[in-house]
Amino acid sequence: MSFPSVILRLAGKLPLPLLHALGSVLGWAIYGISPTYRRKLRANLQQAGYTDARIRRQAIAAAGQMIAELPAIWFRPHAQVVSLVREVGGFEEVFAARDAGKPLLLLTPHLGCFEMAAQYISLHMPLTVLYRPPKIAWLEPLMLEGRKRPNVRLAPADIGGVRAIFRALQQGEAVGILPDQVPGEGEGEWAEFFGQPAYTMTLAAKLAEREGVRCYLVFGRRLARGRGYAISARRLPPALPEERPTRRLNRALEELVRECPGQYLWGYNRYKVPRNAGAA
């Protein structure tokens, strides 16, 4: 067992309220140390119309909490992790679709604890999750170890991973995707997100339109003072007249983020321009 793995496992034994408190401090430390991150977070909030300092403070703390809670979510026994879910809403329809053998597309944006959403879902059904390997090489084996659960299949964001999620859908199973992750070259198109063009993955948007696929937005909201999480699911809203699939997706994400803006990962470089992606 590697040294980082040992440290993370030890950290995972700490109470969730303490982890979230430490995470808040970490979030502010990162905000204070990195002028690039600080500028990006403030610019993204302003782009979405959030000038309230209270929302900004919540977002700064939430970004650190996202990091600090990972040891508990990755390295505690699965039953202990899912026991942190205190409230559940909207899953009756998801479970009904599962029981009817419908393929499920579950979209979990960078909002709240998206790791917890996958943990909860995998307790109830097989789940194939598309992931992009982290840029820090030593972090990938820890991430794979932490996300590996009996009902979870991890599919890297390459041609093999895409084939894996198509197979899962064909078998009437569930697939999980981070829909607001900036795709690679040739994997997206420009679509408005909070009033600014953002390179948006076409895969999730097109899968949502496939005949027979039931698509839901899934959100794991952090409860105050480390009390746990509230997991909710809702159908992707129908497209507006002449609305492109990628804009439909981004519009649905905007509506979800507006319900809990303080827990969105505003420091994420959502508007970056991938190499050879072309102009917006």
C-alpha atoms as a PDB file:
ATOM      1  CA  MET A   1       0.000   0.000   0.000  1.00  0.00           C
ATOM      2  CA  SER A   2       1.458   3.365  -1.014  1.00  0.00           C
ATOM      3  CA  PHE A   3       2.161   6.158   1.455  1.00  0.00           C
ATOM      4  CA  PRO A   4      -0.506   8.502  -0.041  1.00  0.00           C
ATOM      5  CA  SER A   5      -3.047   5.673   0.209  1.00  0.00           C
ATOM      6  CA  VAL A   6      -2.229   5.155   3.896  1.00  0.00           C
ATOM      7  CA  ILE A   7      -2.597   8.878   4.610  1.00  0.00           C
ATOM      8  CA  LEU A   8      -5.909   9.090   2.777  1.00  0.00           C
ATOM      9  CA  ARG A   9      -7.277   6.041   4.572  1.00  0.00           C
ATOM     10  CA  LEU A  10      -6.353   7.548   7.924  1.00  0.00           C
ATOM     11  CA  ALA A  11      -7.927  10.869   6.951  1.00  0.00           C
ATOM     12  CA  GLY A  12     -11.066   9.023   5.896  1.00  0.00           C
ATOM     13  CA  LYS A  13     -11.638   7.911   9.471  1.00  0.00           C
ATOM     14  CA  LEU A  14     -12.120  11.507  10.617  1.00  0.00           C
ATOM     15  CA  PRO A  15     -15.718  12.631  11.245  1.00  0.00           C
ATOM     16  CA  LEU A  16     -17.359  14.294   8.261  1.00  0.00           C
ATOM     17  CA  PRO A  17     -18.032  17.568  10.163  1.00  0.00           C
ATOM     18  CA  LEU A  18     -14.304  17.832  10.882  1.00  0.00           C
ATOM     19  CA  LEU A  19     -13.375  17.018   7.284  1.00  0.00           C
ATOM     20  CA  HIS A  20     -15.733  19.716   6.003  1.00  0.00           C
ATOM     21  CA  ALA A  21     -14.379  22.218   8.520  1.00  0.00           C
ATOM     22  CA  LEU A  22     -10.811  21.454   7.438  1.00  0.00           C
ATOM     23  CA  GLY A  23     -11.958  21.630   3.839  1.00  0.00           C
ATOM     24  CA  SER A  24     -13.321  25.132   4.318  1.00  0.00           C
ATOM     25  CA  VAL A  25      -9.899  26.236   5.568  1.00  0.00           C
ATOM     26  CA  LEU A  26      -8.253  24.495   2.627  1.00  0.00           C
ATOM     27  CA  GLY A  27     -10.594  26.230   0.183  1.00  0.00           C
ATOM     28  CA  TRP A  28      -9.687  29.631   1.539  1.00  0.00           C
ATOM     29  CA  ALA A  29      -5.980  28.748   1.522  1.00  0.00           C
ATOM     30  CA  ILE A  30      -6.116  27.814  -2.169  1.00  0.00           C
ATOM     31  CA  TYR A  31      -8.102  30.961  -2.938  1.00  0.00           C
ATOM     32  CA  GLY A  32      -5.540  33.088  -1.146  1.00  0.00           C
ATOM     33  CA  ILE A  33      -2.459  31.435  -2.601  1.00  0.00           C
ATOM     34  CA  SER A  34      -3.433  31.209  -6.275  1.00  0.00           C
ATOM     35  CA  PRO A  35      -4.234  34.488  -8.055  1.00  0.00           C
ATOM     36  CA  THR A  36      -5.145  32.547 -11.228  1.00  0.00           C
ATOM     37  CA  TYR A  37      -7.692  30.409  -9.397  1.00  0.00           C
ATOM     38  CA  ARG A  38      -9.014  33.445  -7.530  1.00  0.00           C
ATOM     39  CA  ARG A  39      -9.467  35.418 -10.755  1.00  0.00           C
ATOM     40  CA  LYS A  40     -11.150  32.478 -12.510  1.00  0.00           C
ATOM     41  CA  LEU A  41     -13.591  31.821  -9.674  1.00  0.00           C
ATOM     42  CA  ARG A  42     -14.640  35.451  -9.409  1.00  0.00           C
ATOM     43  CA  ALA A  43     -14.960  35.828 -13.198  1.00  0.00           C
ATOM     44  CA  ASN A  44     -17.139  32.710 -13.526  1.00  0.00           C
ATOM     45  CA  LEU A  45     -19.398  33.838 -10.692  1.00  0.00           C
ATOM     46  CA  GLN A  46     -19.768  37.264 -12.255  1.00  0.00           C
ATOM     47  CA  GLN A  47     -20.474  35.727 -15.663  1.00  0.00           C
ATOM     48  CA  ALA A  48     -23.389  33.824 -14.097  1.00  0.00           C
ATOM     49  CA  GLY A  49     -24.672  36.985 -12.409  1.00  0.00           C
ATOM     50  CA  TYR A  50     -23.500  36.226  -8.871  1.00  0.00           C
ATOM     51  CA  THR A  51     -21.966  39.301  -7.300  1.00  0.00           C
ATOM     52  CA  ASP A  52     -23.134  38.511  -3.774  1.00  0.00           C
ATOM     53  CA  ALA A  53     -20.106  38.013  -1.503  1.00  0.00           C
ATOM     54  CA  ARG A  54     -22.052  35.395   0.459  1.00  0.00           C
ATOM     55  CA  ILE A  55     -22.282  33.087  -2.574  1.00  0.00           C
ATOM     56  CA  ARG A  56     -18.592  33.623  -3.281  1.00  0.00           C
ATOM     57  CA  ARG A  57     -17.659  32.669   0.284  1.00  0.00           C
ATOM     58  CA  GLN A  58     -19.786  29.540   0.066  1.00  0.00           C
ATOM     59  CA  ALA A  59     -18.150  28.552  -3.215  1.00  0.00           C
ATOM     60  CA  ILE A  60     -14.641  29.051  -1.824  1.00  0.00           C
ATOM     61  CA  ALA A  61     -15.374  26.827   1.160  1.00  0.00           C
ATOM     62  CA  ALA A  62     -17.231  24.223  -0.925  1.00  0.00           C
ATOM     63  CA  ALA A  63     -14.255  23.744  -3.257  1.00  0.00           C
ATOM     64  CA  GLY A  64     -12.077  22.831  -0.283  1.00  0.00           C
ATOM     65  CA  GLN A  65     -14.758  20.592   1.190  1.00  0.00           C
ATOM     66  CA  MET A  66     -14.905  18.682  -2.094  1.00  0.00           C
ATOM     67  CA  ILE A  67     -11.234  17.774  -1.646  1.00  0.00           C
ATOM     68  CA  ALA A  68     -11.359  17.094   2.085  1.00  0.00           C
ATOM     69  CA  GLU A  69     -14.342  14.724   1.915  1.00  0.00           C
ATOM     70  CA  LEU A  70     -12.747  12.452  -0.685  1.00  0.00           C
ATOM     71  CA  PRO A  71     -10.872  10.212   1.814  1.00  0.00           C
ATOM     72  CA  ALA A  72     -14.123   9.390   3.606  1.00  0.00           C
ATOM     73  CA  ILE A  73     -16.006   8.714   0.376  1.00  0.00           C
ATOM     74  CA  TRP A  74     -13.265   6.732  -1.321  1.00  0.00           C
ATOM     75  CA  PHE A  75     -11.875   4.645   1.507  1.00  0.00           C
ATOM     76  CA  ARG A  76     -14.687   3.914   3.944  1.00  0.00           C
ATOM     77  CA  PRO A  77     -16.733   0.732   3.443  1.00  0.00           C
ATOM     78  CA  HIS A  78     -19.493   1.265   0.898  1.00  0.00           C
ATOM     79  CA  ALA A  79     -22.304   0.841   3.443  1.00  0.00           C
ATOM     80  CA  GLN A  80     -20.754   3.492   5.703  1.00  0.00           C
ATOM     81  CA  VAL A  81     -20.414   5.914   2.814  1.00  0.00           C
ATOM     82  CA  VAL A  82     -24.021   5.534   1.678  1.00  0.00           C
ATOM     83  CA  SER A  83     -25.199   5.905   5.285  1.00  0.00           C
ATOM     84  CA  LEU A  84     -24.110   9.557   4.997  1.00  0.00           C
ATOM     85  CA  VAL A  85     -27.057  10.123   2.651  1.00  0.00           C
ATOM     86  CA  ARG A  86     -29.724  11.695   4.877  1.00  0.00           C
ATOM     87  CA  GLU A  87     -32.271  12.765   2.261  1.00  0.00           C
ATOM     88  CA  VAL A  88     -33.287  11.264  -1.080  1.00  0.00           C
ATOM     89  CA  GLY A  89     -35.635  12.797  -3.639  1.00  0.00           C
ATOM     90  CA  GLY A  90     -36.791  11.951  -7.141  1.00  0.00           C
ATOM     91  CA  PHE A  91     -35.411   8.435  -7.329  1.00  0.00           C
ATOM     92  CA  GLU A  92     -38.773   6.687  -7.458  1.00  0.00           C
ATOM     93  CA  GLU A  93     -38.909   7.394 -11.184  1.00  0.00           C
ATOM     94  CA  VAL A  94     -35.284   6.307 -11.649  1.00  0.00           C
ATOM     95  CA  PHE A  95     -35.913   2.991  -9.893  1.00  0.00           C
ATOM     96  CA  ALA A  96     -39.108   2.444 -11.886  1.00  0.00           C
ATOM     97  CA  ALA A  97     -37.184   2.955 -15.122  1.00  0.00           C
ATOM     98  CA  ARG A  98     -34.497   0.550 -13.880  1.00  0.00           C
ATOM     99  CA  ASP A  99     -37.108  -2.094 -13.041  1.00  0.00           C
ATOM    100  CA  ALA A 100     -38.613  -1.673 -16.525  1.00  0.00           C
ATOM    101  CA  GLY A 101     -35.211  -2.395 -18.066  1.00  0.00           C
ATOM    102  CA  LYS A 102     -34.762   1.111 -19.463  1.00  0.00           C
ATOM    103  CA  PRO A 103     -31.201   2.310 -20.145  1.00  0.00           C
ATOM    104  CA  LEU A 104     -30.359   5.158 -17.768  1.00  0.00           C
ATOM    105  CA  LEU A 105     -28.127   8.141 -18.481  1.00  0.00           C
ATOM    106  CA  LEU A 106     -27.272   9.834 -15.173  1.00  0.00           C
ATOM    107  CA  LEU A 107     -25.615  13.236 -15.491  1.00  0.00           C
ATOM    108  CA  THR A 108     -23.815  14.571 -12.431  1.00  0.00           C
ATOM    109  CA  PRO A 109     -22.226  18.029 -12.860  1.00  0.00           C
ATOM    110  CA  HIS A 110     -19.505  19.631 -10.722  1.00  0.00           C
ATOM    111  CA  LEU A 111     -22.121  20.538  -8.154  1.00  0.00           C
ATOM    112  CA  GLY A 112     -22.035  19.493  -4.521  1.00  0.00           C
ATOM    113  CA  CYS A 113     -20.574  16.038  -3.886  1.00  0.00           C
ATOM    114  CA  PHE A 114     -20.772  14.364  -7.277  1.00  0.00           C
ATOM    115  CA  GLU A 115     -18.690  11.463  -5.932  1.00  0.00           C
ATOM    116  CA  MET A 116     -21.446  10.680  -3.427  1.00  0.00           C
ATOM    117  CA  ALA A 117     -24.051  10.533  -6.178  1.00  0.00           C
ATOM    118  CA  ALA A 118     -22.214   7.652  -7.865  1.00  0.00           C
ATOM    119  CA  GLN A 119     -21.748   5.860  -4.551  1.00  0.00           C
ATOM    120  CA  TYR A 120     -25.464   6.025  -3.808  1.00  0.00           C
ATOM    121  CA  ILE A 121     -26.536   4.931  -7.291  1.00  0.00           C
ATOM    122  CA  SER A 122     -24.145   1.972  -7.358  1.00  0.00           C
ATOM    123  CA  LEU A 123     -25.759   0.591  -4.215  1.00  0.00           C
ATOM    124  CA  HIS A 124     -28.975   0.145  -6.190  1.00  0.00           C
ATOM    125  CA  MET A 125     -27.854  -0.799  -9.711  1.00  0.00           C
ATOM    126  CA  PRO A 126     -24.818  -1.518 -11.898  1.00  0.00           C
ATOM    127  CA  LEU A 127     -23.208   1.730 -13.001  1.00  0.00           C
ATOM    128  CA  THR A 128     -20.630   2.384 -15.711  1.00  0.00           C
ATOM    129  CA  VAL A 129     -18.880   5.707 -15.101  1.00  0.00           C
ATOM    130  CA  LEU A 130     -16.959   7.588 -17.751  1.00  0.00           C
ATOM    131  CA  TYR A 131     -13.936   9.338 -16.255  1.00  0.00           C
ATOM    132  CA  ARG A 132     -11.030  11.409 -17.474  1.00  0.00           C
ATOM    133  CA  PRO A 133      -7.657  10.409 -15.965  1.00  0.00           C
ATOM    134  CA  PRO A 134      -6.234  13.172 -13.733  1.00  0.00           C
ATOM    135  CA  LYS A 135      -3.229  15.161 -14.891  1.00  0.00           C
ATOM    136  CA  ILE A 136      -1.347  14.158 -11.717  1.00  0.00           C
ATOM    137  CA  ALA A 137      -0.183  10.630 -12.542  1.00  0.00           C
ATOM    138  CA  TRP A 138       0.145   9.307  -8.989  1.00  0.00           C
ATOM    139  CA  LEU A 139      -3.443  10.323  -8.218  1.00  0.00           C
ATOM    140  CA  GLU A 140      -5.052   8.013 -10.797  1.00  0.00           C
ATOM    141  CA  PRO A 141      -4.447   4.675  -9.003  1.00  0.00           C
ATOM    142  CA  LEU A 142      -5.792   6.198  -5.766  1.00  0.00           C
ATOM    143  CA  MET A 143      -8.854   7.525  -7.581  1.00  0.00           C
ATOM    144  CA  LEU A 144      -9.498   4.160  -9.228  1.00  0.00           C
ATOM    145  CA  GLU A 145      -9.033   2.360  -5.928  1.00  0.00           C
ATOM    146  CA  GLY A 146     -11.370   4.758  -4.146  1.00  0.00           C
ATOM    147  CA  ARG A 147     -14.110   4.683  -6.774  1.00  0.00           C
ATOM    148  CA  LYS A 148     -14.043   0.937  -7.256  1.00  0.00           C
ATOM    149  CA  ARG A 149     -17.191  -0.593  -5.780  1.00  0.00           C
ATOM    150  CA  PRO A 150     -18.876  -3.972  -6.451  1.00  0.00           C
ATOM    151  CA  ASN A 151     -21.434  -2.448  -8.839  1.00  0.00           C
ATOM    152  CA  VAL A 152     -19.177   0.152 -10.500  1.00  0.00           C
ATOM    153  CA  ARG A 153     -17.320  -0.173 -13.783  1.00  0.00           C
ATOM    154  CA  LEU A 154     -14.898   2.650 -14.567  1.00  0.00           C
ATOM    155  CA  ALA A 155     -14.490   3.572 -18.235  1.00  0.00           C
ATOM    156  CA  PRO A 156     -11.721   5.993 -19.290  1.00  0.00           C
ATOM    157  CA  ALA A 157     -12.708   8.787 -21.640  1.00  0.00           C
ATOM    158  CA  ASP A 158     -11.317   7.171 -24.773  1.00  0.00           C
ATOM    159  CA  ILE A 159     -12.753   5.061 -27.586  1.00  0.00           C
ATOM    160  CA  GLY A 160     -12.737   1.960 -25.375  1.00  0.00           C
ATOM    161  CA  GLY A 161     -14.582   3.787 -22.611  1.00  0.00           C
ATOM    162  CA  VAL A 162     -17.192   5.123 -25.025  1.00  0.00           C
ATOM    163  CA  ARG A 163     -17.779   1.588 -26.286  1.00  0.00           C
ATOM    164  CA  ALA A 164     -18.211   0.436 -22.682  1.00  0.00           C
ATOM    165  CA  ILE A 165     -20.958   2.962 -21.981  1.00  0.00           C
ATOM    166  CA  PHE A 166     -22.745   2.073 -25.224  1.00  0.00           C
ATOM    167  CA  ARG A 167     -22.668  -1.593 -24.199  1.00  0.00           C
ATOM    168  CA  ALA A 168     -24.069  -0.733 -20.783  1.00  0.00           C
ATOM    169  CA  LEU A 169     -26.930   1.245 -22.322  1.00  0.00           C
ATOM    170  CA  GLN A 170     -27.679  -1.559 -24.783  1.00  0.00           C
ATOM    171  CA  GLN A 171     -27.940  -3.913 -21.804  1.00  0.00           C
ATOM    172  CA  GLY A 172     -30.439  -1.627 -20.094  1.00  0.00           C
ATOM    173  CA  GLU A 173     -28.001  -0.483 -17.412  1.00  0.00           C
ATOM    174  CA  ALA A 174     -27.018   2.889 -15.974  1.00  0.00           C
ATOM    175  CA  VAL A 175     -24.236   5.151 -17.216  1.00  0.00           C
ATOM    176  CA  GLY A 176     -22.779   8.119 -15.323  1.00  0.00           C
ATOM    177  CA  ILE A 177     -21.131  11.136 -16.970  1.00  0.00           C
ATOM    178  CA  LEU A 178     -19.849  14.513 -15.776  1.00  0.00           C
ATOM    179  CA  PRO A 179     -21.653  16.637 -18.399  1.00  0.00           C
ATOM    180  CA  ASP A 180     -19.922  19.961 -17.675  1.00  0.00           C
ATOM    181  CA  GLN A 181     -16.402  18.622 -18.056  1.00  0.00           C
ATOM    182  CA  VAL A 182     -14.567  20.303 -20.920  1.00  0.00           C
ATOM    183  CA  PRO A 183     -14.172  17.659 -23.649  1.00  0.00           C
ATOM    184  CA  GLY A 184     -11.087  17.056 -25.696  1.00  0.00           C
ATOM    185  CA  GLU A 185     -10.403  18.091 -29.263  1.00  0.00           C
ATOM    186  CA  GLY A 186     -13.160  16.982 -31.610  1.00  0.00           C
ATOM    187  CA  GLU A 187     -15.402  15.782 -28.783  1.00  0.00           C
ATOM    188  CA  GLY A 188     -17.528  18.888 -28.323  1.00  0.00           C
ATOM    189  CA  GLU A 189     -19.110  21.969 -29.807  1.00  0.00           C
ATOM    190  CA  TRP A 190     -19.673  25.510 -28.636  1.00  0.00           C
ATOM    191  CA  ALA A 191     -22.881  26.138 -26.699  1.00  0.00           C
ATOM    192  CA  GLU A 192     -23.894  28.944 -24.366  1.00  0.00           C
ATOM    193  CA  PHE A 193     -23.396  28.329 -20.653  1.00  0.00           C
ATOM    194  CA  PHE A 194     -24.456  31.180 -18.362  1.00  0.00           C
ATOM    195  CA  GLY A 195     -24.366  33.570 -21.290  1.00  0.00           C
ATOM    196  CA  GLN A 196     -20.918  32.693 -22.623  1.00  0.00           C
ATOM    197  CA  PRO A 197     -19.893  30.099 -25.228  1.00  0.00           C
ATOM    198  CA  ALA A 198     -18.445  26.977 -23.584  1.00  0.00           C
ATOM    199  CA  TYR A 199     -16.975  23.982 -25.373  1.00  0.00           C
ATOM    200  CA  THR A 200     -19.559  21.333 -24.476  1.00  0.00           C
ATOM    201  CA  MET A 201     -19.366  17.571 -24.889  1.00  0.00           C
ATOM    202  CA  THR A 202     -21.600  16.224 -27.620  1.00  0.00           C
ATOM    203  CA  LEU A 203     -21.566  12.672 -26.236  1.00  0.00           C
ATOM    204  CA  ALA A 204     -23.800  13.293 -23.218  1.00  0.00           C
ATOM    205  CA  ALA A 205     -26.112  15.588 -25.180  1.00  0.00           C
ATOM    206  CA  LYS A 206     -26.607  13.083 -27.990  1.00  0.00           C
ATOM    207  CA  LEU A 207     -27.011  10.095 -25.675  1.00  0.00           C
ATOM    208  CA  ALA A 208     -29.797  11.973 -23.902  1.00  0.00           C
ATOM    209  CA  GLU A 209     -31.676  12.124 -27.195  1.00  0.00           C
ATOM    210  CA  ARG A 210     -31.369   8.420 -28.027  1.00  0.00           C
ATOM    211  CA  GLU A 211     -34.656   6.588 -28.273  1.00  0.00           C
ATOM    212  CA  GLY A 212     -35.483   4.664 -25.106  1.00  0.00           C
ATOM    213  CA  VAL A 213     -32.801   6.289 -22.934  1.00  0.00           C
ATOM    214  CA  ARG A 214     -34.062   7.876 -19.721  1.00  0.00           C
ATOM    215  CA  CYS A 215     -31.878  10.814 -18.760  1.00  0.00           C
ATOM    216  CA  TYR A 216     -31.700  12.280 -15.256  1.00  0.00           C
ATOM    217  CA  LEU A 217     -29.675  15.009 -13.573  1.00  0.00           C
ATOM    218  CA  VAL A 218     -28.327  13.759 -10.246  1.00  0.00           C
ATOM    219  CA  PHE A 219     -27.093  16.103  -7.519  1.00  0.00           C
ATOM    220  CA  GLY A 220     -25.481  15.352  -4.136  1.00  0.00           C
ATOM    221  CA  ARG A 221     -25.998  18.447  -1.977  1.00  0.00           C
ATOM    222  CA  ARG A 222     -23.849  18.870   1.140  1.00  0.00           C
ATOM    223  CA  LEU A 223     -25.871  19.449   4.273  1.00  0.00           C
ATOM    224  CA  ALA A 224     -24.815  22.106   6.758  1.00  0.00           C
ATOM    225  CA  ARG A 225     -22.223  21.382   9.443  1.00  0.00           C
ATOM    226  CA  GLY A 226     -21.168  18.063   7.931  1.00  0.00           C
ATOM    227  CA  ARG A 227     -24.481  16.336   8.638  1.00  0.00           C
ATOM    228  CA  GLY A 228     -24.248  14.362   5.415  1.00  0.00           C
ATOM    229  CA  TYR A 229     -25.772  14.647   1.949  1.00  0.00           C
ATOM    230  CA  ALA A 230     -29.105  15.011   0.179  1.00  0.00           C
ATOM    231  CA  ILE A 231     -29.260  13.109  -3.124  1.00  0.00           C
ATOM    232  CA  SER A 232     -31.809  14.158  -5.731  1.00  0.00           C
ATOM    233  CA  ALA A 233     -32.667  13.172  -9.300  1.00  0.00           C
ATOM    234  CA  ARG A 234     -34.800  14.819 -11.962  1.00  0.00           C
ATOM    235  CA  ARG A 235     -35.569  14.240 -15.612  1.00  0.00           C
ATOM    236  CA  LEU A 236     -33.629  16.255 -18.156  1.00  0.00           C
ATOM    237  CA  PRO A 237     -36.121  18.897 -19.345  1.00  0.00           C
ATOM    238  CA  PRO A 238     -37.372  18.666 -22.936  1.00  0.00           C
ATOM    239  CA  ALA A 239     -35.678  20.691 -25.629  1.00  0.00           C
ATOM    240  CA  LEU A 240     -37.042  24.077 -26.606  1.00  0.00           C
ATOM    241  CA  PRO A 241     -38.000  24.682 -30.233  1.00  0.00           C
ATOM    242  CA  GLU A 242     -34.905  24.605 -32.488  1.00  0.00           C
ATOM    243  CA  GLU A 243     -32.631  24.116 -29.454  1.00  0.00           C
ATOM    244  CA  ARG A 244     -29.450  22.162 -30.084  1.00  0.00           C
ATOM    245  CA  PRO A 245     -28.771  19.156 -27.824  1.00  0.00           C
ATOM    246  CA  THR A 246     -25.701  20.778 -26.245  1.00  0.00           C
ATOM    247  CA  ARG A 247     -27.598  23.975 -25.442  1.00  0.00           C
ATOM    248  CA  ARG A 248     -30.444  21.922 -23.971  1.00  0.00           C
ATOM    249  CA  LEU A 249     -27.922  20.209 -21.727  1.00  0.00           C
ATOM    250  CA  ASN A 250     -26.288  23.449 -20.601  1.00  0.00           C
ATOM    251  CA  ARG A 251     -29.656  25.085 -19.960  1.00  0.00           C
ATOM    252  CA  ALA A 252     -30.651  22.190 -17.696  1.00  0.00           C
ATOM    253  CA  LEU A 253     -27.341  22.462 -15.834  1.00  0.00           C
ATOM    254  CA  GLU A 254     -27.828  26.210 -15.378  1.00  0.00           C
ATOM    255  CA  GLU A 255     -31.239  25.608 -13.811  1.00  0.00           C
ATOM    256  CA  LEU A 256     -29.781  23.037 -11.431  1.00  0.00           C
ATOM    257  CA  VAL A 257     -26.835  25.221 -10.429  1.00  0.00           C
ATOM    258  CA  ARG A 258     -29.166  28.150  -9.736  1.00  0.00           C
ATOM    259  CA  GLU A 259     -30.809  26.101  -6.995  1.00  0.00           C
ATOM    260  CA  CYS A 260     -27.551  25.775  -5.043  1.00  0.00           C
ATOM    261  CA  PRO A 261     -24.970  28.171  -6.518  1.00  0.00           C
ATOM    262  CA  GLY A 262     -22.747  28.120  -3.454  1.00  0.00           C
ATOM    263  CA  GLN A 263     -21.851  24.468  -4.098  1.00  0.00           C
ATOM    264  CA  TYR A 264     -20.911  24.712  -7.769  1.00  0.00           C
ATOM    265  CA  LEU A 265     -17.225  24.406  -8.657  1.00  0.00           C
ATOM    266  CA  TRP A 266     -16.884  27.942  -9.998  1.00  0.00           C
ATOM    267  CA  GLY A 267     -13.093  27.717 -10.017  1.00  0.00           C
ATOM    268  CA  TYR A 268     -13.219  25.062 -12.752  1.00  0.00           C
ATOM    269  CA  ASN A 269     -11.977  26.396 -16.086  1.00  0.00           C
ATOM    270  CA  ARG A 270     -15.287  25.788 -17.853  1.00  0.00           C
ATOM    271  CA  TYR A 271     -14.613  28.293 -20.634  1.00  0.00           C
ATOM    272  CA  LYS A 272     -11.172  27.124 -21.682  1.00  0.00           C
ATOM    273  CA  VAL A 273     -10.494  26.596 -25.377  1.00  0.00           C
ATOM    274  CA  PRO A 274      -9.137  23.109 -26.145  1.00  0.00           C
ATOM    275  CA  ARG A 275      -6.441  22.881 -28.783  1.00  0.00           C
ATOM    276  CA  ASN A 276      -7.858  22.983 -32.302  1.00  0.00           C
ATOM    277  CA  ALA A 277     -11.405  23.385 -30.975  1.00  0.00           C
ATOM    278  CA  GLY A 278     -11.931  26.418 -33.205  1.00  0.00           C
ATOM    279  CA  ALA A 279     -13.429  29.755 -32.324  1.00  0.00           C
ATOM    280  CA  ALA A 280     -16.679  30.039 -30.407  1.00  0.00           C
END
